[in-house]
Amino acid sequence: FSEEYHTFEDRLFIFDAIRNANKILIIPDAFYYYCMNDDSVSHIGFSPVRSKGLEIMDIMYEHIKKEYPQLEPYSYADVIRMKYVVLGTLYEDAQWKKFPKEYKKIKSEIQKAELNKIKNYIQKTTYYQIVAIKYIEPVYRLIKQWYIGRQKRKSVV
């Protein structure tokens, strides 16, 4: 396990384990035990630690592109999808204002996304939201903030 990363580190560990395995056995049972931790990065909205986790996605993508080129479109789509998810955490409570450097970097990476490479590998609703971020991000951000506020008001009632 790399101590450098505090989010997505399990993905990197599993990825490296699979790449270094001599043999893989697939069984029908699931033995994944996930322990919910209230202090986990996944429960705190956006933080620079979360954007650091995107580096793991980029590292994995580069390895896949070189070692398993047939899987490159899936990996590329997953990288863009995860950047979209992290950008969504920045929209919550207008955190994009608190983290302008990270916001600009992630937004820029999504806006550079090659849409034709991801279209067939992610859900259509996610694809169309990425298209909106790519071309009309300020409008998309306002709609997303309105929607998040509406969901919060509903949960209070």
Protein backbone atom coordinates (compact mmCIF):
# COMPACT_ATOMS: atom_id res chain seq x y z
CA PHE A 1 0.00 0.00 0.00
CA SER A 2 1.29 3.43 -0.87
CA GLU A 3 1.22 5.76 2.14
CA GLU A 4 1.33 8.73 -0.24
CA TYR A 5 -2.36 8.47 -1.16
CA HIS A 6 -5.35 8.64 1.16
CA THR A 7 -8.12 8.20 -1.38
CA PHE A 8 -8.45 5.62 -4.17
CA GLU A 9 -5.46 3.87 -2.61
CA ASP A 10 -7.42 0.61 -2.59
CA ARG A 11 -7.89 0.88 -6.37
CA LEU A 12 -4.15 1.25 -6.87
CA PHE A 13 -3.42 -1.67 -4.53
CA ILE A 14 -5.86 -3.98 -6.35
CA PHE A 15 -4.59 -2.79 -9.74
CA ASP A 16 -0.98 -3.52 -8.78
CA ALA A 17 -1.93 -6.88 -7.25
CA ILE A 18 -3.67 -7.96 -10.46
CA ARG A 19 -0.79 -6.74 -12.65
CA ASN A 20 1.73 -8.67 -10.56
CA ALA A 21 -0.28 -11.86 -10.15
CA ASN A 22 0.88 -15.01 -11.89
CA LYS A 23 -2.58 -16.53 -11.71
CA ILE A 24 -6.04 -15.14 -10.92
CA LEU A 25 -8.93 -17.27 -9.73
CA ILE A 26 -12.46 -15.94 -10.01
CA ILE A 27 -15.01 -17.19 -7.50
CA PRO A 28 -18.75 -16.43 -7.36
CA ASP A 29 -18.73 -15.12 -3.78
CA ALA A 30 -17.94 -11.55 -2.74
CA PHE A 31 -15.62 -11.18 0.24
CA TYR A 32 -15.09 -7.42 0.21
CA TYR A 33 -15.50 -5.92 3.65
CA TYR A 34 -15.86 -2.17 3.68
CA CYS A 35 -15.66 -0.39 6.99
CA MET A 36 -17.42 2.98 7.11
CA ASN A 37 -15.24 5.54 8.83
CA ASP A 38 -16.83 8.89 9.77
CA ASP A 39 -13.45 10.61 9.33
CA SER A 40 -12.99 9.16 5.84
CA VAL A 41 -12.18 11.46 2.92
CA SER A 42 -15.29 10.12 1.19
CA HIS A 43 -17.50 11.73 3.86
CA ILE A 44 -16.04 15.24 3.91
CA GLY A 45 -16.98 16.57 0.50
CA PHE A 46 -14.07 18.05 -1.40
CA SER A 47 -10.53 18.30 -0.11
CA PRO A 48 -7.14 18.54 -1.83
CA VAL A 49 -6.61 14.94 -0.67
CA ARG A 50 -9.51 13.89 -2.89
CA SER A 51 -8.02 15.60 -5.94
CA LYS A 52 -4.72 13.86 -5.17
CA GLY A 53 -6.60 10.59 -5.56
CA LEU A 54 -7.22 11.52 -9.18
CA GLU A 55 -3.49 11.08 -9.71
CA ILE A 56 -4.02 7.38 -9.04
CA MET A 57 -6.57 7.27 -11.85
CA ASP A 58 -4.07 8.95 -14.18
CA ILE A 59 -1.29 6.52 -13.14
CA MET A 60 -3.53 3.53 -13.76
CA TYR A 61 -4.66 4.95 -17.11
CA GLU A 62 -1.06 5.35 -18.32
CA HIS A 63 -0.24 1.75 -17.34
CA ILE A 64 -3.37 0.41 -19.01
CA LYS A 65 -2.71 2.41 -22.17
CA LYS A 66 0.78 0.85 -22.47
CA GLU A 67 0.17 -2.66 -21.14
CA TYR A 68 -3.45 -3.35 -22.12
CA PRO A 69 -4.27 -1.09 -25.09
CA GLN A 70 -7.54 -2.94 -25.72
CA LEU A 71 -8.79 -1.62 -22.35
CA GLU A 72 -7.70 1.99 -22.96
CA PRO A 73 -11.16 3.36 -23.91
CA TYR A 74 -12.72 1.95 -20.73
CA SER A 75 -9.94 3.34 -18.58
CA TYR A 76 -10.04 6.77 -20.24
CA ALA A 77 -13.80 6.97 -19.70
CA ASP A 78 -13.36 5.96 -16.05
CA VAL A 79 -10.74 8.68 -15.49
CA ILE A 80 -13.02 11.37 -16.96
CA ARG A 81 -16.00 10.01 -15.00
CA MET A 82 -14.07 10.18 -11.72
CA LYS A 83 -12.96 13.74 -12.46
CA TYR A 84 -16.61 14.57 -13.07
CA VAL A 85 -17.54 13.02 -9.70
CA VAL A 86 -14.83 14.99 -7.88
CA LEU A 87 -15.87 18.19 -9.65
CA GLY A 88 -19.38 17.51 -8.36
CA THR A 89 -18.07 17.61 -4.78
CA LEU A 90 -16.63 21.05 -5.52
CA TYR A 91 -20.10 22.30 -6.49
CA GLU A 92 -21.48 21.35 -3.07
CA ASP A 93 -21.67 24.36 -0.76
CA ALA A 94 -19.78 26.37 -3.42
CA GLN A 95 -16.51 24.71 -2.44
CA TRP A 96 -15.14 25.64 -5.86
CA LYS A 97 -14.66 29.13 -4.40
CA LYS A 98 -12.56 27.72 -1.53
CA PHE A 99 -10.38 25.60 -3.81
CA PRO A 100 -10.01 27.64 -7.03
CA LYS A 101 -6.73 26.01 -8.11
CA GLU A 102 -8.07 22.45 -7.87
CA TYR A 103 -11.40 23.52 -9.39
CA LYS A 104 -9.75 25.09 -12.45
CA LYS A 105 -7.45 22.09 -12.95
CA ILE A 106 -10.20 19.46 -12.78
CA LYS A 107 -12.62 21.56 -14.86
CA SER A 108 -9.90 22.11 -17.49
CA GLU A 109 -9.16 18.37 -17.66
CA ILE A 110 -12.84 17.59 -18.19
CA GLN A 111 -13.15 20.32 -20.81
CA LYS A 112 -10.20 18.77 -22.70
CA ALA A 113 -11.88 15.35 -22.66
CA GLU A 114 -12.27 13.65 -26.00
CA LEU A 115 -16.02 13.09 -26.00
CA ASN A 116 -15.94 10.58 -28.84
CA LYS A 117 -13.67 8.35 -26.70
CA ILE A 118 -16.02 8.22 -23.70
CA LYS A 119 -19.49 8.24 -25.24
CA ASN A 120 -19.90 4.46 -25.43
CA TYR A 121 -18.27 3.69 -22.10
CA ILE A 122 -20.23 5.70 -19.53
CA GLN A 123 -23.89 6.21 -18.66
CA LYS A 124 -25.70 8.56 -21.02
CA THR A 125 -26.80 10.97 -18.25
CA THR A 126 -23.18 11.28 -17.08
CA TYR A 127 -22.02 11.75 -20.67
CA TYR A 128 -24.47 14.62 -21.26
CA GLN A 129 -23.46 16.30 -18.01
CA ILE A 130 -19.81 16.09 -19.06
CA VAL A 131 -20.80 17.65 -22.40
CA ALA A 132 -22.46 20.49 -20.45
CA ILE A 133 -19.34 20.98 -18.32
CA LYS A 134 -17.20 21.00 -21.44
CA TYR A 135 -19.21 23.69 -23.26
CA ILE A 136 -21.36 25.63 -20.76
CA GLU A 137 -19.80 24.98 -17.36
CA PRO A 138 -20.98 28.18 -15.61
CA VAL A 139 -24.61 27.37 -16.48
CA TYR A 140 -24.15 23.74 -15.47
CA ARG A 141 -22.58 24.80 -12.14
CA LEU A 142 -25.58 27.04 -11.32
CA ILE A 143 -28.05 24.28 -12.16
CA LYS A 144 -26.08 21.75 -10.10
CA GLN A 145 -25.91 24.12 -7.10
CA TRP A 146 -29.66 24.77 -7.36
CA TYR A 147 -30.32 21.02 -7.49
CA ILE A 148 -28.06 20.30 -4.49
CA GLY A 149 -29.79 23.05 -2.48
CA ARG A 150 -33.18 21.65 -3.43
CA GLN A 151 -32.15 18.15 -2.31
CA LYS A 152 -30.91 19.54 1.04
CA ARG A 153 -34.19 21.41 1.60
CA LYS A 154 -36.16 18.23 0.86
CA SER A 155 -34.14 16.25 3.39
CA VAL A 156 -34.87 18.84 6.11
CA VAL A 157 -38.64 18.64 5.58
